């Protein structure tokens, strides 16, 4: 259930569904101004409206997989990952 205690403080406004529906143009203006808006429906359904630019920020990869591993904390930790050296098994076709 959504209440004031479990909504992050960085949200500029939380809209009830009916109010957001009635003031959709205003909600969209707020999205352009703040980057995102939250809409609550039926007390526990939460929806977030984002600008296209903000959506792309969230969905675009920040770098390659190699960059990710190179930027990981504690590079000196050995995870002990070893490649299996077994030969592939023979298959009768």
C-alpha atoms as a PDB file:
ATOM      1  CA  UNK A   1       0.000   0.000   0.000  1.00  0.00           C
ATOM      2  CA  UNK A   2       1.318   3.436  -0.915  1.00  0.00           C
ATOM      3  CA  UNK A   3       1.499   6.085   1.784  1.00  0.00           C
ATOM      4  CA  UNK A   4       3.622   9.161   2.492  1.00  0.00           C
ATOM      5  CA  UNK A   5       6.139   7.136   4.510  1.00  0.00           C
ATOM      6  CA  UNK A   6       7.149   4.810   1.675  1.00  0.00           C
ATOM      7  CA  UNK A   7       7.448   7.385  -1.123  1.00  0.00           C
ATOM      8  CA  UNK A   8      11.003   8.625  -1.686  1.00  0.00           C
ATOM      9  CA  UNK A   9      11.509  12.274  -0.779  1.00  0.00           C
ATOM     10  CA  UNK A  10      12.988  13.150  -4.189  1.00  0.00           C
ATOM     11  CA  UNK A  11       9.615  12.792  -5.920  1.00  0.00           C
ATOM     12  CA  UNK A  12       8.300  16.288  -6.659  1.00  0.00           C
ATOM     13  CA  UNK A  13       4.633  15.259  -6.670  1.00  0.00           C
ATOM     14  CA  UNK A  14       2.627  12.076  -6.338  1.00  0.00           C
ATOM     15  CA  UNK A  15      -0.584  12.141  -8.316  1.00  0.00           C
ATOM     16  CA  UNK A  16      -3.694  10.140  -7.601  1.00  0.00           C
ATOM     17  CA  UNK A  17      -4.842   8.443 -10.802  1.00  0.00           C
ATOM     18  CA  UNK A  18      -8.107  10.362 -11.183  1.00  0.00           C
ATOM     19  CA  UNK A  19      -6.376  13.706 -10.646  1.00  0.00           C
ATOM     20  CA  UNK A  20      -3.600  12.829 -13.116  1.00  0.00           C
ATOM     21  CA  UNK A  21      -6.187  11.721 -15.653  1.00  0.00           C
ATOM     22  CA  UNK A  22      -8.099  14.993 -15.305  1.00  0.00           C
ATOM     23  CA  UNK A  23      -4.933  17.113 -15.453  1.00  0.00           C
ATOM     24  CA  UNK A  24      -2.848  15.104 -17.898  1.00  0.00           C
ATOM     25  CA  UNK A  25      -1.547  18.187 -19.699  1.00  0.00           C
ATOM     26  CA  UNK A  26      -0.317  19.611 -16.393  1.00  0.00           C
ATOM     27  CA  UNK A  27       1.254  16.269 -15.430  1.00  0.00           C
ATOM     28  CA  UNK A  28       3.147  16.235 -18.739  1.00  0.00           C
ATOM     29  CA  UNK A  29       4.370  19.803 -18.105  1.00  0.00           C
ATOM     30  CA  UNK A  30       5.640  18.662 -14.706  1.00  0.00           C
ATOM     31  CA  UNK A  31       7.425  15.740 -16.356  1.00  0.00           C
ATOM     32  CA  UNK A  32       9.211  18.170 -18.675  1.00  0.00           C
ATOM     33  CA  UNK A  33      10.158  20.355 -15.709  1.00  0.00           C
ATOM     34  CA  UNK A  34      11.238  17.715 -13.182  1.00  0.00           C
ATOM     35  CA  UNK A  35      12.003  14.686 -15.347  1.00  0.00           C
ATOM     36  CA  UNK A  36       9.460  12.259 -13.867  1.00  0.00           C
ATOM     37  CA  UNK A  37       6.157  12.022 -12.036  1.00  0.00           C
ATOM     38  CA  UNK A  38       4.551   9.264  -9.983  1.00  0.00           C
ATOM     39  CA  UNK A  39       0.912   8.198 -10.340  1.00  0.00           C
ATOM     40  CA  UNK A  40      -0.797   5.978  -7.785  1.00  0.00           C
ATOM     41  CA  UNK A  41      -3.831   3.915  -8.713  1.00  0.00           C
ATOM     42  CA  UNK A  42      -5.857   1.725  -6.352  1.00  0.00           C
ATOM     43  CA  UNK A  43      -3.485   2.458  -3.436  1.00  0.00           C
ATOM     44  CA  UNK A  44      -0.837  -0.041  -4.513  1.00  0.00           C
ATOM     45  CA  UNK A  45      -0.303   0.339  -8.252  1.00  0.00           C
ATOM     46  CA  UNK A  46       2.500   2.805  -8.902  1.00  0.00           C
ATOM     47  CA  UNK A  47       3.319   4.172 -12.331  1.00  0.00           C
ATOM     48  CA  UNK A  48       6.116   6.510 -13.329  1.00  0.00           C
ATOM     49  CA  UNK A  49       5.959   8.903 -16.253  1.00  0.00           C
ATOM     50  CA  UNK A  50       9.331   9.871 -17.715  1.00  0.00           C
ATOM     51  CA  UNK A  51      10.429  12.178 -20.480  1.00  0.00           C
ATOM     52  CA  UNK A  52      11.937  10.441 -23.492  1.00  0.00           C
ATOM     53  CA  UNK A  53      15.361  11.824 -22.591  1.00  0.00           C
ATOM     54  CA  UNK A  54      15.152  10.524 -19.012  1.00  0.00           C
ATOM     55  CA  UNK A  55      13.934   7.121 -20.246  1.00  0.00           C
ATOM     56  CA  UNK A  56      16.937   6.876 -22.568  1.00  0.00           C
ATOM     57  CA  UNK A  57      19.257   7.717 -19.657  1.00  0.00           C
ATOM     58  CA  UNK A  58      17.895   4.710 -17.777  1.00  0.00           C
ATOM     59  CA  UNK A  59      17.862   2.280 -20.689  1.00  0.00           C
ATOM     60  CA  UNK A  60      21.106   3.053 -22.525  1.00  0.00           C
ATOM     61  CA  UNK A  61      24.099   0.994 -21.448  1.00  0.00           C
ATOM     62  CA  UNK A  62      26.691   3.049 -19.621  1.00  0.00           C
ATOM     63  CA  UNK A  63      29.602   1.145 -21.154  1.00  0.00           C
ATOM     64  CA  UNK A  64      30.724  -2.264 -22.242  1.00  0.00           C
ATOM     65  CA  UNK A  65      30.740  -5.360 -20.064  1.00  0.00           C
ATOM     66  CA  UNK A  66      34.507  -5.086 -19.885  1.00  0.00           C
ATOM     67  CA  UNK A  67      34.198  -1.497 -18.601  1.00  0.00           C
ATOM     68  CA  UNK A  68      31.768  -2.738 -15.972  1.00  0.00           C
ATOM     69  CA  UNK A  69      34.158  -5.385 -14.679  1.00  0.00           C
ATOM     70  CA  UNK A  70      37.132  -3.018 -14.797  1.00  0.00           C
ATOM     71  CA  UNK A  71      35.245  -0.460 -12.694  1.00  0.00           C
ATOM     72  CA  UNK A  72      34.115  -3.015 -10.094  1.00  0.00           C
ATOM     73  CA  UNK A  73      35.263  -2.389  -6.521  1.00  0.00           C
ATOM     74  CA  UNK A  74      37.953  -4.604  -4.987  1.00  0.00           C
ATOM     75  CA  UNK A  75      39.768  -5.589  -8.192  1.00  0.00           C
ATOM     76  CA  UNK A  76      42.289  -7.518  -6.105  1.00  0.00           C
ATOM     77  CA  UNK A  77      39.667 -10.086  -5.065  1.00  0.00           C
ATOM     78  CA  UNK A  78      40.135 -13.358  -6.929  1.00  0.00           C
ATOM     79  CA  UNK A  79      36.770 -14.942  -7.628  1.00  0.00           C
ATOM     80  CA  UNK A  80      38.431 -18.236  -8.496  1.00  0.00           C
ATOM     81  CA  UNK A  81      36.667 -18.537 -11.832  1.00  0.00           C
ATOM     82  CA  UNK A  82      38.396 -21.113 -13.973  1.00  0.00           C
ATOM     83  CA  UNK A  83      37.580 -22.181 -17.500  1.00  0.00           C
ATOM     84  CA  UNK A  84      36.761 -25.846 -17.969  1.00  0.00           C
ATOM     85  CA  UNK A  85      39.622 -27.459 -19.905  1.00  0.00           C
ATOM     86  CA  UNK A  86      37.722 -30.634 -20.854  1.00  0.00           C
ATOM     87  CA  UNK A  87      37.460 -31.497 -24.525  1.00  0.00           C
ATOM     88  CA  UNK A  88      33.997 -31.541 -26.056  1.00  0.00           C
ATOM     89  CA  UNK A  89      32.261 -34.891 -26.077  1.00  0.00           C
ATOM     90  CA  UNK A  90      31.849 -36.851 -29.280  1.00  0.00           C
ATOM     91  CA  UNK A  91      28.382 -37.010 -30.796  1.00  0.00           C
ATOM     92  CA  UNK A  92      27.221 -39.624 -33.310  1.00  0.00           C
ATOM     93  CA  UNK A  93      25.271 -38.012 -36.105  1.00  0.00           C
END
